[in-house]
Amino acid sequence: MKKLIATSAIVFLLSILVISYAQPEQNVQKAPPVSQPLVRQGNFAIKLVEVLKLGTAKNETEAENMLAAAGIAPRNGWIADYPLTPDIIGELRSAIGVALDSGK
């Protein structure tokens, strides 16, 4: 009798495991990416021209030139293919403040 109970308990537990793994996975959440996606300076320049309402830029070079004419540029100038870093964002924030104070 004890063998029958033990055997049926093992079969029951194994069947639960098999059934739980056989179910399709639902609500599976992927882990967030380790690194943030990079934003190119050229793409940011186009969006910044739109947000600051300096006009409409047809391409990255035109957007960078419009921003530079308004006095808004990173310390080393715009480099369209380089990523936007926290340092560059800080430089742009300062440049925007100076441009606003000077009335550009």
N, C-alpha and C. Protein backbone atom coordinates (compact mmCIF):
# COMPACT_ATOMS: atom_id res chain seq x y z
N MET A 1 0.82 -1.19 0.00
CA MET A 1 0.00 0.00 0.00
C MET A 1 0.87 1.25 0.00
N LYS A 2 1.95 1.23 0.80
CA LYS A 2 2.83 2.39 0.86
C LYS A 2 3.52 2.61 -0.49
N LYS A 3 3.86 1.49 -1.17
CA LYS A 3 4.50 1.61 -2.47
C LYS A 3 3.55 2.25 -3.48
N LEU A 4 2.30 1.88 -3.41
CA LEU A 4 1.30 2.41 -4.33
C LEU A 4 1.10 3.91 -4.12
N ILE A 5 1.04 4.33 -2.87
CA ILE A 5 0.87 5.75 -2.55
C ILE A 5 2.11 6.54 -2.98
N ALA A 6 3.29 6.01 -2.70
CA ALA A 6 4.52 6.69 -3.09
C ALA A 6 4.65 6.79 -4.61
N THR A 7 4.33 5.72 -5.30
CA THR A 7 4.42 5.71 -6.76
C THR A 7 3.41 6.68 -7.36
N SER A 8 2.20 6.69 -6.85
CA SER A 8 1.18 7.61 -7.39
C SER A 8 1.54 9.07 -7.09
N ALA A 9 2.15 9.33 -5.94
CA ALA A 9 2.58 10.69 -5.61
C ALA A 9 3.68 11.15 -6.57
N ILE A 10 4.62 10.28 -6.87
CA ILE A 10 5.71 10.62 -7.80
C ILE A 10 5.14 10.86 -9.20
N VAL A 11 4.25 10.00 -9.64
CA VAL A 11 3.63 10.16 -10.96
C VAL A 11 2.85 11.47 -11.01
N PHE A 12 2.14 11.80 -9.96
CA PHE A 12 1.37 13.04 -9.89
C PHE A 12 2.28 14.26 -9.99
N LEU A 13 3.36 14.25 -9.21
CA LEU A 13 4.29 15.39 -9.24
C LEU A 13 4.96 15.54 -10.60
N LEU A 14 5.36 14.42 -11.19
CA LEU A 14 5.98 14.48 -12.51
C LEU A 14 5.00 14.97 -13.57
N SER A 15 3.75 14.56 -13.46
CA SER A 15 2.75 15.01 -14.44
C SER A 15 2.50 16.51 -14.30
N ILE A 16 2.53 17.03 -13.09
CA ILE A 16 2.37 18.48 -12.89
C ILE A 16 3.52 19.24 -13.54
N LEU A 17 4.74 18.73 -13.36
CA LEU A 17 5.90 19.37 -13.98
C LEU A 17 5.80 19.36 -15.50
N VAL A 18 5.41 18.21 -16.06
CA VAL A 18 5.30 18.10 -17.51
C VAL A 18 4.22 19.04 -18.04
N ILE A 19 3.10 19.08 -17.36
CA ILE A 19 2.00 19.95 -17.80
C ILE A 19 2.40 21.42 -17.70
N SER A 20 3.09 21.80 -16.64
CA SER A 20 3.47 23.21 -16.49
C SER A 20 4.46 23.65 -17.56
N TYR A 21 5.36 22.77 -17.97
CA TYR A 21 6.31 23.11 -19.03
C TYR A 21 5.67 23.02 -20.41
N ALA A 22 4.58 22.30 -20.55
CA ALA A 22 3.93 22.14 -21.84
C ALA A 22 3.05 23.34 -22.18
N GLN A 23 2.66 24.12 -21.20
CA GLN A 23 1.82 25.28 -21.43
C GLN A 23 2.59 26.34 -22.19
N PRO A 24 1.95 27.03 -23.15
CA PRO A 24 2.65 28.12 -23.84
C PRO A 24 2.94 29.24 -22.85
N GLU A 25 4.06 29.88 -23.05
CA GLU A 25 4.45 30.94 -22.13
C GLU A 25 3.59 32.17 -22.37
N GLN A 26 3.05 32.68 -21.31
CA GLN A 26 2.22 33.87 -21.39
C GLN A 26 2.82 34.94 -20.50
N ASN A 27 2.66 36.18 -20.92
CA ASN A 27 3.15 37.32 -20.16
C ASN A 27 4.65 37.23 -19.90
N VAL A 28 5.37 36.77 -20.90
CA VAL A 28 6.82 36.70 -20.75
C VAL A 28 7.37 38.09 -21.01
N GLN A 29 8.08 38.61 -20.05
CA GLN A 29 8.65 39.94 -20.20
C GLN A 29 10.14 39.81 -20.49
N LYS A 30 10.56 40.56 -21.49
CA LYS A 30 11.98 40.57 -21.81
C LYS A 30 12.69 41.51 -20.86
N ALA A 31 13.90 41.17 -20.57
CA ALA A 31 14.70 42.04 -19.72
C ALA A 31 15.01 43.33 -20.48
N PRO A 32 15.08 44.46 -19.79
CA PRO A 32 15.38 45.72 -20.47
C PRO A 32 16.80 45.68 -21.03
N PRO A 33 17.03 46.43 -22.09
CA PRO A 33 18.37 46.42 -22.66
C PRO A 33 19.38 47.00 -21.66
N VAL A 34 20.58 46.49 -21.75
CA VAL A 34 21.61 46.94 -20.82
C VAL A 34 22.05 48.36 -21.16
N SER A 35 22.16 48.66 -22.44
CA SER A 35 22.60 50.00 -22.84
C SER A 35 21.44 50.74 -23.50
N GLN A 36 21.47 52.03 -23.40
CA GLN A 36 20.46 52.87 -24.02
C GLN A 36 20.78 53.02 -25.50
N PRO A 37 19.75 53.21 -26.33
CA PRO A 37 20.02 53.43 -27.75
C PRO A 37 20.73 54.77 -27.94
N LEU A 38 21.64 54.80 -28.89
CA LEU A 38 22.39 56.03 -29.16
C LEU A 38 21.59 56.94 -30.08
N VAL A 39 21.68 58.24 -29.81
CA VAL A 39 21.05 59.24 -30.65
C VAL A 39 22.17 60.02 -31.33
N ARG A 40 22.08 60.11 -32.65
CA ARG A 40 23.09 60.84 -33.40
C ARG A 40 22.86 62.34 -33.24
N GLN A 41 23.94 63.10 -33.27
CA GLN A 41 23.84 64.55 -33.15
C GLN A 41 23.04 65.14 -34.30
N GLY A 42 23.19 64.58 -35.49
CA GLY A 42 22.44 65.08 -36.65
C GLY A 42 20.94 64.92 -36.47
N ASN A 43 20.50 63.78 -36.00
CA ASN A 43 19.07 63.55 -35.75
C ASN A 43 18.56 64.48 -34.66
N PHE A 44 19.38 64.67 -33.63
CA PHE A 44 18.98 65.56 -32.55
C PHE A 44 18.87 67.00 -33.04
N ALA A 45 19.79 67.41 -33.92
CA ALA A 45 19.77 68.78 -34.45
C ALA A 45 18.48 69.04 -35.21
N ILE A 46 18.04 68.08 -36.01
CA ILE A 46 16.79 68.25 -36.76
C ILE A 46 15.61 68.43 -35.80
N LYS A 47 15.54 67.60 -34.77
CA LYS A 47 14.44 67.70 -33.79
C LYS A 47 14.53 69.01 -33.00
N LEU A 48 15.75 69.44 -32.69
CA LEU A 48 15.93 70.66 -31.90
C LEU A 48 15.49 71.88 -32.70
N VAL A 49 15.75 71.90 -34.00
CA VAL A 49 15.29 73.00 -34.85
C VAL A 49 13.77 73.08 -34.81
N GLU A 50 13.11 71.93 -34.88
CA GLU A 50 11.64 71.90 -34.84
C GLU A 50 11.11 72.38 -33.50
N VAL A 51 11.71 71.92 -32.42
CA VAL A 51 11.24 72.27 -31.08
C VAL A 51 11.44 73.76 -30.80
N LEU A 52 12.58 74.29 -31.22
CA LEU A 52 12.88 75.71 -30.98
C LEU A 52 12.21 76.62 -32.00
N LYS A 53 11.54 76.02 -33.00
CA LYS A 53 10.82 76.77 -34.04
C LYS A 53 11.73 77.75 -34.76
N LEU A 54 12.88 77.23 -35.18
CA LEU A 54 13.81 78.04 -35.95
C LEU A 54 13.55 77.91 -37.45
N GLY A 55 12.61 77.10 -37.83
CA GLY A 55 12.29 76.85 -39.23
C GLY A 55 12.20 75.36 -39.46
N THR A 56 12.23 74.99 -40.74
CA THR A 56 12.22 73.58 -41.07
C THR A 56 13.51 73.24 -41.79
N ALA A 57 14.16 72.23 -41.32
CA ALA A 57 15.43 71.80 -41.91
C ALA A 57 15.18 70.61 -42.82
N LYS A 58 15.76 70.65 -44.01
CA LYS A 58 15.60 69.56 -44.96
C LYS A 58 16.53 68.40 -44.65
N ASN A 59 17.67 68.70 -44.04
CA ASN A 59 18.63 67.65 -43.72
C ASN A 59 19.42 68.05 -42.48
N GLU A 60 20.31 67.17 -42.07
CA GLU A 60 21.09 67.39 -40.84
C GLU A 60 22.00 68.61 -40.96
N THR A 61 22.64 68.76 -42.11
CA THR A 61 23.57 69.87 -42.29
C THR A 61 22.86 71.20 -42.18
N GLU A 62 21.70 71.29 -42.79
CA GLU A 62 20.92 72.53 -42.72
C GLU A 62 20.49 72.81 -41.28
N ALA A 63 20.08 71.77 -40.55
CA ALA A 63 19.67 71.95 -39.16
C ALA A 63 20.85 72.41 -38.30
N GLU A 64 22.00 71.79 -38.51
CA GLU A 64 23.18 72.18 -37.74
C GLU A 64 23.59 73.62 -38.05
N ASN A 65 23.49 74.03 -39.31
CA ASN A 65 23.82 75.41 -39.68
C ASN A 65 22.84 76.40 -39.08
N MET A 66 21.56 76.05 -39.07
CA MET A 66 20.56 76.94 -38.47
C MET A 66 20.80 77.11 -36.97
N LEU A 67 21.13 76.02 -36.31
CA LEU A 67 21.40 76.11 -34.88
C LEU A 67 22.68 76.89 -34.60
N ALA A 68 23.72 76.65 -35.40
CA ALA A 68 24.98 77.36 -35.21
C ALA A 68 24.79 78.86 -35.44
N ALA A 69 23.97 79.24 -36.41
CA ALA A 69 23.70 80.66 -36.67
C ALA A 69 22.99 81.30 -35.49
N ALA A 70 22.21 80.51 -34.76
CA ALA A 70 21.52 81.02 -33.57
C ALA A 70 22.41 80.96 -32.33
N GLY A 71 23.64 80.46 -32.50
CA GLY A 71 24.56 80.38 -31.37
C GLY A 71 24.40 79.11 -30.54
N ILE A 72 23.76 78.12 -31.11
CA ILE A 72 23.51 76.88 -30.39
C ILE A 72 24.34 75.78 -31.04
N ALA A 73 25.40 75.41 -30.39
CA ALA A 73 26.29 74.37 -30.90
C ALA A 73 27.13 73.83 -29.75
N PRO A 74 27.52 72.57 -29.82
CA PRO A 74 28.44 72.04 -28.81
C PRO A 74 29.80 72.73 -28.93
N ARG A 75 30.60 72.62 -27.94
CA ARG A 75 31.90 73.28 -27.90
C ARG A 75 32.77 72.91 -29.11
N ASN A 76 32.75 71.67 -29.53
CA ASN A 76 33.56 71.23 -30.68
C ASN A 76 32.78 71.27 -31.98
N GLY A 77 31.63 71.90 -32.00
CA GLY A 77 30.81 71.97 -33.21
C GLY A 77 29.96 70.73 -33.38
N TRP A 78 29.07 70.80 -34.34
CA TRP A 78 28.18 69.68 -34.63
C TRP A 78 28.92 68.63 -35.44
N ILE A 79 28.81 67.39 -35.05
CA ILE A 79 29.36 66.25 -35.79
C ILE A 79 28.20 65.28 -35.94
N ALA A 80 27.59 65.27 -37.13
CA ALA A 80 26.32 64.57 -37.35
C ALA A 80 26.35 63.10 -36.96
N ASP A 81 27.44 62.41 -37.23
CA ASP A 81 27.47 60.97 -36.98
C ASP A 81 27.89 60.60 -35.57
N TYR A 82 28.29 61.55 -34.76
CA TYR A 82 28.70 61.24 -33.39
C TYR A 82 27.49 61.12 -32.49
N PRO A 83 27.57 60.28 -31.47
CA PRO A 83 26.42 60.13 -30.57
C PRO A 83 26.29 61.32 -29.63
N LEU A 84 25.08 61.54 -29.21
CA LEU A 84 24.78 62.59 -28.25
C LEU A 84 25.12 62.06 -26.86
N THR A 85 26.01 62.72 -26.16
CA THR A 85 26.44 62.29 -24.82
C THR A 85 25.90 63.26 -23.78
N PRO A 86 25.93 62.89 -22.52
CA PRO A 86 25.49 63.82 -21.47
C PRO A 86 26.29 65.13 -21.47
N ASP A 87 27.58 65.07 -21.78
CA ASP A 87 28.39 66.28 -21.84
C ASP A 87 27.90 67.22 -22.94
N ILE A 88 27.61 66.66 -24.09
CA ILE A 88 27.13 67.49 -25.20
C ILE A 88 25.76 68.07 -24.89
N ILE A 89 24.92 67.30 -24.25
CA ILE A 89 23.61 67.83 -23.85
C ILE A 89 23.77 69.01 -22.90
N GLY A 90 24.69 68.90 -21.96
CA GLY A 90 24.96 70.01 -21.06
C GLY A 90 25.47 71.24 -21.80
N GLU A 91 26.37 71.03 -22.76
CA GLU A 91 26.88 72.15 -23.55
C GLU A 91 25.76 72.81 -24.36
N LEU A 92 24.89 72.00 -24.93
CA LEU A 92 23.77 72.55 -25.70
C LEU A 92 22.79 73.30 -24.81
N ARG A 93 22.56 72.77 -23.63
CA ARG A 93 21.66 73.46 -22.70
C ARG A 93 22.23 74.84 -22.34
N SER A 94 23.51 74.90 -22.09
CA SER A 94 24.15 76.18 -21.79
C SER A 94 24.10 77.12 -23.00
N ALA A 95 24.35 76.57 -24.19
CA ALA A 95 24.34 77.38 -25.40
C ALA A 95 22.94 77.94 -25.67
N ILE A 96 21.91 77.15 -25.41
CA ILE A 96 20.54 77.62 -25.59
C ILE A 96 20.23 78.75 -24.62
N GLY A 97 20.69 78.61 -23.37
CA GLY A 97 20.50 79.68 -22.38
C GLY A 97 21.20 80.95 -22.78
N VAL A 98 22.42 80.85 -23.27
CA VAL A 98 23.18 82.04 -23.71
C VAL A 98 22.48 82.67 -24.92
N ALA A 99 22.02 81.84 -25.86
CA ALA A 99 21.33 82.36 -27.03
C ALA A 99 20.03 83.07 -26.66
N LEU A 100 19.30 82.53 -25.70
CA LEU A 100 18.07 83.18 -25.24
C LEU A 100 18.38 84.50 -24.55
N ASP A 101 19.42 84.53 -23.73
CA ASP A 101 19.78 85.76 -23.03
C ASP A 101 20.25 86.85 -23.99
N SER A 102 20.90 86.44 -25.08
CA SER A 102 21.40 87.42 -26.04
C SER A 102 20.33 87.81 -27.06
N GLY A 103 19.21 87.13 -27.07
CA GLY A 103 18.10 87.49 -27.95
C GLY A 103 18.19 86.88 -29.34
N LYS A 104 18.99 85.87 -29.52
CA LYS A 104 19.11 85.25 -30.86
C LYS A 104 17.95 84.32 -31.13
